[in-house]
Amino acid sequence: MDKDFPDHTRPRVLLLVPNLQLDGGVTNYYRALNLGEEQGVTYFETSQQAGVSAPLRTLQLLVTYLRFFFAAPGSDLVHVNPTLDPRSMYRDMVFLALARLCRKPYLVFFRGWDNQLEERIAKSKIQTFLFMQTYGKAAGFCVLGKIFKEKLRKLGVPANCTFHILTTVADDAGLKQLDLSAKQASLKHQVNILFLARITESKGVFQSIEAVKALQKLIPQQVVLTVAGEGPELERSREIAQATNEVVIKFVGDVRGQEKYDLLNNHHIMLLPTSANEGLPNTLLEAMLYGMPIVSSAVAAIPEHVEDTINGFLIDSGDLPQITDALKTLCADQALFDRISNTNNAKAKQVYTTQTVRQQLLGVYEKTQLQHEKLSRA
């Protein structure tokens, strides 16, 4: 922890999170970090109940705003985790306005980014004004890559505003079970490929299925694709998989805890040909920690952490031949696979583990509060 902040004066942080029982990158991140056990950090859940009518969801949101208004005064710092998409941005804009009303500084951690919404904000004087009067008044920003820092500056965030470039987290609770040498040696007999994400077209689930079908025709090993997650395209994905006999495709649903660790330990390659509004997917960092080369799209902050031929292969979203060729290269070149596997495991243990990321974020809280207090006294 920061030496300027002894334990008894650590900032009291009200941390806005989704329902941690739900699936998703943000929930996985805060479940893994478990910051609610840290002194002074309080999780404040903002999710509305799923499967209810629109009027009831609206009522639930209003109640959540009211709860927040009464909870915020008991904190020193509010931490909000929006995605720059229409639903999340405008919902969280109200939380920021309420925090300002309560005279509480807030930290904004952008978790995803919609480029089209960014363009609409930049072209609209009204939307730019609303953005700058709420998000632009943040005591600090956390972003998942330099690309998002530059995007925020283009939207009008002052150059002197404090930015913290953080990562998502690789859950290391199952790492003791990893036998990296055995994983590498097993590649010559069977190739286990993992797609671990929300099951949507934009995440690349259909391309993943087609790529492994093509791959099976190019290499002698048996290819197995495991699709882990839930989402609106799950049933359609099952139908497509059932219509083919070229490759083994398994659907395991939402995975957590030991079931997820088993998948990470027993699979060779992480495949995520996403075109979604990403920030930095947790699953890629977890795959690296467990010695898996990455095949993913060169979007958002992914290229800042996955270097082509060093940590895996970066492909263009939607380019099926590129995906198939990257998979083939990894499966056919044992020395390359082993080198990338060892590199990823070593890098992730140094940078992305739960304890490392937790301490980084706690340090950001302390620095943000110290800076706010200095500005208040100036």
Protein backbone atom coordinates (compact mmCIF):
# COMPACT_ATOMS: atom_id res chain seq x y z
CA MET A 1 0.00 0.00 0.00
CA ASP A 2 1.06 3.62 -0.48
CA LYS A 3 3.25 4.82 2.40
CA ASP A 4 1.47 8.19 2.41
CA PHE A 5 -1.67 6.38 3.53
CA PRO A 6 -1.39 4.48 6.84
CA ASP A 7 -3.99 1.76 7.30
CA HIS A 8 -6.34 3.79 9.48
CA THR A 9 -6.63 6.59 6.90
CA ARG A 10 -7.21 4.55 3.76
CA PRO A 11 -10.03 6.06 1.71
CA ARG A 12 -13.52 4.66 2.15
CA VAL A 13 -14.44 3.56 -1.37
CA LEU A 14 -17.96 2.91 -2.61
CA LEU A 15 -17.35 0.54 -5.54
CA LEU A 16 -20.22 0.15 -8.01
CA VAL A 17 -20.39 -3.40 -9.42
CA PRO A 18 -22.95 -5.55 -11.25
CA ASN A 19 -24.61 -8.46 -9.47
CA LEU A 20 -21.60 -10.68 -8.79
CA GLN A 21 -23.70 -13.81 -9.28
CA LEU A 22 -24.11 -12.95 -12.96
CA ASP A 23 -21.75 -13.78 -15.81
CA GLY A 24 -19.50 -11.20 -17.48
CA GLY A 25 -16.04 -9.69 -17.56
CA VAL A 26 -16.65 -7.04 -14.90
CA THR A 27 -18.24 -9.51 -12.48
CA ASN A 28 -15.39 -11.98 -13.05
CA TYR A 29 -12.89 -9.21 -12.35
CA TYR A 30 -14.42 -8.11 -9.05
CA ARG A 31 -15.14 -11.67 -7.93
CA ALA A 32 -11.48 -12.53 -8.47
CA LEU A 33 -10.15 -9.40 -6.73
CA ASN A 34 -12.59 -9.77 -3.82
CA LEU A 35 -12.05 -6.15 -2.81
CA GLY A 36 -15.07 -6.28 -0.53
CA GLU A 37 -12.82 -7.90 2.05
CA GLU A 38 -10.39 -4.97 2.01
CA GLN A 39 -10.65 -2.36 4.74
CA GLY A 40 -12.72 0.59 3.59
CA VAL A 41 -13.99 -0.89 0.29
CA THR A 42 -17.74 -1.50 -0.05
CA TYR A 43 -19.33 -3.23 -3.03
CA PHE A 44 -22.52 -1.49 -4.18
CA GLU A 45 -24.48 -3.68 -6.64
CA THR A 46 -26.25 -1.79 -9.42
CA SER A 47 -27.81 -4.56 -11.56
CA GLN A 48 -31.55 -4.77 -12.06
CA GLN A 49 -33.39 -8.08 -11.86
CA ALA A 50 -33.46 -9.90 -15.20
CA GLY A 51 -36.64 -11.19 -16.80
CA VAL A 52 -38.97 -8.49 -15.48
CA SER A 53 -41.03 -5.88 -17.30
CA ALA A 54 -39.53 -2.57 -18.43
CA PRO A 55 -41.55 -0.51 -15.91
CA LEU A 56 -40.35 -2.71 -13.06
CA ARG A 57 -36.72 -2.46 -14.23
CA THR A 58 -37.11 1.32 -14.30
CA LEU A 59 -38.50 1.28 -10.77
CA GLN A 60 -35.61 -0.91 -9.62
CA LEU A 61 -33.13 1.52 -11.16
CA LEU A 62 -34.76 4.48 -9.41
CA VAL A 63 -34.55 2.63 -6.10
CA THR A 64 -30.87 1.91 -6.82
CA TYR A 65 -30.22 5.60 -7.45
CA LEU A 66 -31.94 6.42 -4.16
CA ARG A 67 -29.88 3.85 -2.26
CA PHE A 68 -26.74 5.26 -3.82
CA PHE A 69 -27.67 8.82 -2.85
CA PHE A 70 -27.87 7.76 0.81
CA ALA A 71 -24.76 5.53 0.64
CA ALA A 72 -22.41 7.97 -1.11
CA PRO A 73 -22.01 10.43 1.81
CA GLY A 74 -20.40 7.67 3.87
CA SER A 75 -17.54 7.29 1.40
CA ASP A 76 -14.43 9.26 0.51
CA LEU A 77 -14.34 8.09 -3.10
CA VAL A 78 -16.87 6.60 -5.54
CA HIS A 79 -15.63 4.12 -8.14
CA VAL A 80 -17.82 3.59 -11.25
CA ASN A 81 -17.26 0.94 -13.96
CA PRO A 82 -19.09 2.01 -17.14
CA THR A 83 -18.81 0.76 -20.67
CA LEU A 84 -19.03 3.42 -23.35
CA ASP A 85 -22.29 2.10 -24.75
CA PRO A 86 -25.69 3.85 -24.66
CA ARG A 87 -27.20 1.80 -21.84
CA SER A 88 -24.23 1.81 -19.46
CA MET A 89 -22.96 5.32 -20.15
CA TYR A 90 -26.23 7.14 -19.52
CA ARG A 91 -27.19 4.95 -16.56
CA ASP A 92 -23.86 5.61 -14.85
CA MET A 93 -23.98 9.28 -15.78
CA VAL A 94 -26.75 9.64 -13.17
CA PHE A 95 -24.57 8.02 -10.50
CA LEU A 96 -21.84 10.55 -11.29
CA ALA A 97 -24.28 13.46 -11.12
CA LEU A 98 -25.48 12.21 -7.73
CA ALA A 99 -21.88 11.86 -6.53
CA ARG A 100 -21.22 15.46 -7.52
CA LEU A 101 -24.39 16.50 -5.68
CA CYS A 102 -23.01 14.76 -2.59
CA ARG A 103 -19.65 16.48 -3.17
CA LYS A 104 -17.84 13.17 -3.48
CA PRO A 105 -14.91 12.66 -5.87
CA TYR A 106 -15.23 9.74 -8.25
CA LEU A 107 -12.97 7.45 -10.20
CA VAL A 108 -14.16 6.21 -13.61
CA PHE A 109 -12.90 2.85 -14.91
CA PHE A 110 -14.01 2.32 -18.51
CA ARG A 111 -14.40 -1.42 -19.19
CA GLY A 112 -15.51 -1.43 -22.83
CA TRP A 113 -15.89 0.97 -25.72
CA ASP A 114 -18.42 1.52 -28.50
CA ASN A 115 -16.66 3.41 -31.31
CA GLN A 116 -19.96 4.45 -32.90
CA LEU A 117 -21.17 6.05 -29.66
CA GLU A 118 -17.83 7.81 -29.35
CA GLU A 119 -18.40 9.34 -32.79
CA ARG A 120 -21.94 10.44 -31.90
CA ILE A 121 -20.75 12.15 -28.72
CA ALA A 122 -17.95 13.92 -30.59
CA LYS A 123 -20.39 15.25 -33.22
CA SER A 124 -23.05 16.43 -30.74
CA LYS A 125 -22.51 19.58 -28.68
CA ILE A 126 -25.24 18.50 -26.24
CA GLN A 127 -23.81 15.02 -25.70
CA THR A 128 -20.29 16.39 -25.40
CA PHE A 129 -21.51 18.88 -22.78
CA LEU A 130 -23.29 16.15 -20.77
CA PHE A 131 -20.26 13.87 -21.01
CA MET A 132 -17.86 16.55 -19.82
CA GLN A 133 -20.14 17.71 -16.99
CA THR A 134 -20.22 14.19 -15.57
CA TYR A 135 -17.42 11.90 -16.79
CA GLY A 136 -15.17 14.88 -17.54
CA LYS A 137 -15.29 15.92 -13.87
CA ALA A 138 -13.77 12.66 -12.63
CA ALA A 139 -10.97 12.81 -10.09
CA GLY A 140 -9.20 10.22 -12.24
CA PHE A 141 -9.66 7.62 -14.95
CA CYS A 142 -8.67 3.98 -15.13
CA VAL A 143 -8.39 2.57 -18.64
CA LEU A 144 -7.34 -0.79 -20.06
CA GLY A 145 -4.93 0.58 -22.62
CA LYS A 146 -3.32 3.70 -24.08
CA ILE A 147 -5.87 3.61 -26.90
CA PHE A 148 -8.68 4.51 -24.48
CA LYS A 149 -6.66 7.29 -22.87
CA GLU A 150 -6.28 8.92 -26.28
CA LYS A 151 -9.98 8.45 -27.08
CA LEU A 152 -11.00 10.21 -23.85
CA ARG A 153 -8.68 13.10 -24.58
CA LYS A 154 -10.20 13.47 -28.04
CA LEU A 155 -13.63 13.69 -26.38
CA GLY A 156 -12.41 16.67 -24.37
CA VAL A 157 -10.98 15.25 -21.13
CA PRO A 158 -8.19 17.69 -20.11
CA ALA A 159 -4.59 16.64 -20.71
CA ASN A 160 -3.75 17.26 -17.04
CA CYS A 161 -6.36 14.74 -15.84
CA THR A 162 -4.82 11.71 -14.14
CA PHE A 163 -5.00 8.42 -16.06
CA HIS A 164 -4.12 5.00 -14.67
CA ILE A 165 -3.55 2.26 -17.25
CA LEU A 166 -4.53 -0.99 -15.58
CA THR A 167 -5.22 -4.52 -16.76
CA THR A 168 -7.97 -6.98 -16.11
CA VAL A 169 -7.05 -9.97 -13.96
CA ALA A 170 -6.02 -13.59 -14.39
CA ASP A 171 -7.57 -15.70 -11.64
CA ASP A 172 -4.64 -17.73 -10.32
CA ALA A 173 -6.51 -19.85 -7.77
CA GLY A 174 -6.14 -23.00 -9.90
CA LEU A 175 -2.54 -22.46 -10.94
CA LYS A 176 -1.10 -25.02 -8.50
CA GLN A 177 -2.75 -27.74 -10.58
CA LEU A 178 -0.98 -26.68 -13.78
CA ASP A 179 1.57 -29.10 -15.27
CA LEU A 180 2.88 -26.95 -18.10
CA SER A 181 5.28 -29.56 -19.48
CA ALA A 182 2.54 -32.17 -19.66
CA LYS A 183 0.20 -29.70 -21.38
CA GLN A 184 2.82 -28.92 -24.01
CA ALA A 185 3.65 -32.57 -24.61
CA SER A 186 -0.02 -33.51 -25.05
CA LEU A 187 -0.38 -31.19 -28.06
CA LYS A 188 1.08 -33.84 -30.34
CA HIS A 189 -1.83 -36.20 -29.62
CA GLN A 190 -4.90 -33.93 -29.35
CA VAL A 191 -5.46 -30.19 -29.70
CA ASN A 192 -7.90 -28.74 -27.17
CA ILE A 193 -9.12 -25.26 -28.15
CA LEU A 194 -11.13 -23.13 -25.73
CA PHE A 195 -13.68 -20.43 -26.54
CA LEU A 196 -14.56 -18.84 -23.18
CA ALA A 197 -16.83 -15.82 -23.57
CA ARG A 198 -20.42 -14.71 -23.84
CA ILE A 199 -22.02 -16.69 -26.65
CA THR A 200 -22.74 -13.96 -29.18
CA GLU A 201 -21.96 -13.52 -32.85
CA SER A 202 -19.79 -10.47 -32.11
CA LYS A 203 -17.56 -12.52 -29.80
CA GLY A 204 -16.81 -14.83 -32.73
CA VAL A 205 -18.43 -18.10 -31.68
CA PHE A 206 -19.58 -18.99 -35.22
CA GLN A 207 -16.17 -18.20 -36.69
CA SER A 208 -14.56 -20.34 -33.99
CA ILE A 209 -16.68 -23.32 -34.97
CA GLU A 210 -15.92 -22.88 -38.66
CA ALA A 211 -12.19 -22.40 -37.99
CA VAL A 212 -11.80 -25.63 -36.04
CA LYS A 213 -13.75 -27.51 -38.71
CA ALA A 214 -11.25 -26.25 -41.28
CA LEU A 215 -8.32 -26.94 -38.96
CA GLN A 216 -9.23 -30.60 -38.52
CA LYS A 217 -8.66 -31.16 -42.24
CA LEU A 218 -5.16 -29.67 -42.05
CA ILE A 219 -3.52 -31.41 -39.08
CA PRO A 220 -3.21 -35.06 -37.98
CA GLN A 221 -4.18 -34.48 -34.32
CA GLN A 222 -7.74 -34.79 -33.11
CA VAL A 223 -9.20 -31.30 -32.62
CA VAL A 224 -11.62 -30.57 -29.77
CA LEU A 225 -13.35 -27.21 -29.34
CA THR A 226 -14.87 -26.40 -25.96
CA VAL A 227 -17.39 -23.56 -25.94
CA ALA A 228 -17.82 -22.16 -22.42
CA GLY A 229 -20.34 -19.47 -21.56
CA GLU A 230 -23.96 -18.48 -21.94
CA GLY A 231 -25.61 -16.06 -24.32
CA PRO A 232 -28.30 -15.43 -26.92
CA GLU A 233 -26.59 -17.47 -29.66
CA LEU A 234 -26.08 -20.60 -27.58
CA GLU A 235 -28.83 -22.67 -29.18
CA ARG A 236 -27.90 -21.62 -32.69
CA SER A 237 -24.28 -22.53 -31.94
CA ARG A 238 -25.38 -25.97 -30.77
CA GLU A 239 -27.36 -26.48 -33.96
CA ILE A 240 -24.39 -25.60 -36.14
CA ALA A 241 -22.13 -27.88 -34.12
CA GLN A 242 -24.55 -30.80 -34.37
CA ALA A 243 -24.64 -30.44 -38.15
CA THR A 244 -20.96 -31.30 -38.47
CA ASN A 245 -18.96 -34.47 -37.86
CA GLU A 246 -15.55 -33.05 -38.74
CA VAL A 247 -14.58 -32.04 -35.22
CA VAL A 248 -15.57 -32.61 -31.60
CA ILE A 249 -17.40 -29.59 -30.15
CA LYS A 250 -18.44 -29.47 -26.49
CA PHE A 251 -20.73 -26.96 -24.80
CA VAL A 252 -20.20 -26.62 -21.05
CA GLY A 253 -22.22 -23.49 -20.18
CA ASP A 254 -21.20 -20.93 -17.60
CA VAL A 255 -18.07 -22.11 -15.77
CA ARG A 256 -16.67 -20.88 -12.47
CA GLY A 257 -14.32 -22.05 -9.76
CA GLN A 258 -12.77 -25.48 -10.15
CA GLU A 259 -14.62 -26.18 -13.40
CA LYS A 260 -13.03 -23.12 -14.99
CA TYR A 261 -9.59 -23.96 -13.62
CA ASP A 262 -9.87 -27.47 -15.11
CA LEU A 263 -10.65 -26.00 -18.53
CA LEU A 264 -7.72 -23.59 -18.35
CA ASN A 265 -5.36 -26.34 -17.24
CA ASN A 266 -6.48 -28.87 -19.86
CA HIS A 267 -6.73 -26.72 -23.00
CA HIS A 268 -3.92 -25.70 -25.31
CA ILE A 269 -5.13 -22.60 -27.20
CA MET A 270 -7.52 -19.75 -26.35
CA LEU A 271 -9.57 -18.64 -29.37
CA LEU A 272 -11.46 -15.33 -29.29
CA PRO A 273 -11.99 -13.81 -32.78
CA THR A 274 -14.04 -10.97 -31.33
CA SER A 275 -15.50 -7.91 -33.03
CA ALA A 276 -17.38 -6.81 -29.88
CA ASN A 277 -16.95 -3.54 -27.95
CA GLU A 278 -14.07 -4.91 -25.93
CA GLY A 279 -11.81 -3.41 -23.32
CA LEU A 280 -9.39 -6.18 -22.37
CA PRO A 281 -11.05 -9.60 -21.90
CA ASN A 282 -10.16 -11.35 -18.63
CA THR A 283 -10.18 -14.70 -20.39
CA LEU A 284 -7.15 -13.83 -22.53
CA LEU A 285 -5.02 -12.99 -19.49
CA GLU A 286 -6.19 -16.14 -17.71
CA ALA A 287 -5.29 -18.20 -20.76
CA MET A 288 -1.81 -16.67 -20.76
CA LEU A 289 -1.37 -17.47 -17.07
CA TYR A 290 -2.22 -21.10 -17.70
CA GLY A 291 0.29 -21.37 -20.56
CA MET A 292 -2.08 -21.03 -23.51
CA PRO A 293 -1.15 -19.18 -26.71
CA ILE A 294 -3.79 -16.67 -27.80
CA VAL A 295 -5.54 -16.38 -31.16
CA SER A 296 -7.62 -13.22 -31.02
CA SER A 297 -8.57 -10.07 -32.87
CA ALA A 298 -6.40 -6.96 -32.95
CA VAL A 299 -9.07 -4.76 -31.35
CA ALA A 300 -9.32 -2.47 -28.29
CA ALA A 301 -6.45 -2.98 -25.81
CA ILE A 302 -5.75 -6.58 -26.87
CA PRO A 303 -2.71 -5.65 -29.06
CA GLU A 304 -1.16 -3.86 -26.07
CA HIS A 305 -0.93 -7.20 -24.24
CA VAL A 306 -0.90 -9.85 -26.97
CA GLU A 307 2.04 -9.38 -29.31
CA ASP A 308 1.87 -11.24 -32.60
CA THR A 309 4.05 -14.41 -32.64
CA ILE A 310 5.20 -13.63 -29.07
CA ASN A 311 2.01 -14.31 -27.09
CA GLY A 312 0.03 -15.89 -29.92
CA PHE A 313 -1.47 -14.51 -33.11
CA LEU A 314 -3.53 -11.39 -33.78
CA ILE A 315 -6.04 -11.68 -36.62
CA ASP A 316 -8.48 -9.39 -38.37
CA SER A 317 -12.02 -9.78 -37.05
CA GLY A 318 -14.02 -11.91 -39.47
CA ASP A 319 -11.04 -13.29 -41.41
CA LEU A 320 -11.62 -17.06 -41.25
CA PRO A 321 -8.50 -18.05 -43.25
CA GLN A 322 -6.34 -16.00 -40.86
CA ILE A 323 -7.87 -17.72 -37.85
CA THR A 324 -7.40 -21.18 -39.33
CA ASP A 325 -3.83 -20.45 -40.42
CA ALA A 326 -2.89 -19.17 -36.94
CA LEU A 327 -4.31 -22.29 -35.30
CA LYS A 328 -2.54 -24.54 -37.80
CA THR A 329 0.80 -22.81 -37.19
CA LEU A 330 0.54 -23.33 -33.44
CA CYS A 331 -0.52 -26.97 -33.78
CA ALA A 332 2.15 -27.86 -36.35
CA ASP A 333 5.15 -26.17 -34.72
CA GLN A 334 5.80 -27.70 -31.31
CA ALA A 335 8.82 -25.49 -30.59
CA LEU A 336 6.80 -22.34 -31.33
CA PHE A 337 3.91 -23.54 -29.20
CA ASP A 338 6.22 -24.34 -26.26
CA ARG A 339 8.00 -20.98 -26.51
CA ILE A 340 4.75 -18.98 -26.54
CA SER A 341 3.29 -21.14 -23.75
CA ASN A 342 6.30 -20.52 -21.50
CA THR A 343 6.40 -16.81 -22.35
CA ASN A 344 2.72 -16.30 -21.54
CA ASN A 345 2.90 -18.19 -18.27
CA ALA A 346 5.93 -16.20 -17.09
CA LYS A 347 4.52 -12.82 -18.17
CA ALA A 348 1.11 -13.40 -16.62
CA LYS A 349 2.55 -14.55 -13.29
CA GLN A 350 4.50 -11.31 -13.11
CA VAL A 351 1.80 -8.88 -14.28
CA TYR A 352 -1.75 -10.24 -14.23
CA THR A 353 -2.24 -12.27 -11.04
CA THR A 354 -4.98 -11.47 -8.56
CA GLN A 355 -2.68 -10.10 -5.85
CA THR A 356 -0.75 -7.88 -8.26
CA VAL A 357 -3.85 -6.33 -9.83
CA ARG A 358 -5.58 -5.92 -6.44
CA GLN A 359 -2.64 -3.95 -5.03
CA GLN A 360 -2.47 -1.78 -8.16
CA LEU A 361 -6.13 -0.80 -7.85
CA LEU A 362 -5.91 -0.16 -4.11
CA GLY A 363 -2.91 2.05 -4.83
CA VAL A 364 -4.96 4.01 -7.37
CA TYR A 365 -7.63 4.64 -4.71
CA GLU A 366 -5.05 6.06 -2.34
CA LYS A 367 -3.36 8.24 -4.96
CA THR A 368 -6.70 9.57 -6.21
CA GLN A 369 -7.83 10.51 -2.71
CA LEU A 370 -4.50 12.13 -1.87
CA GLN A 371 -4.59 14.16 -5.07
CA HIS A 372 -8.18 15.23 -4.42
CA GLU A 373 -7.30 16.38 -0.90
CA LYS A 374 -4.31 18.38 -2.18
CA LEU A 375 -6.47 20.10 -4.81
CA SER A 376 -9.14 20.83 -2.21
CA ARG A 377 -6.60 22.53 0.04
CA ALA A 378 -5.05 24.54 -2.81
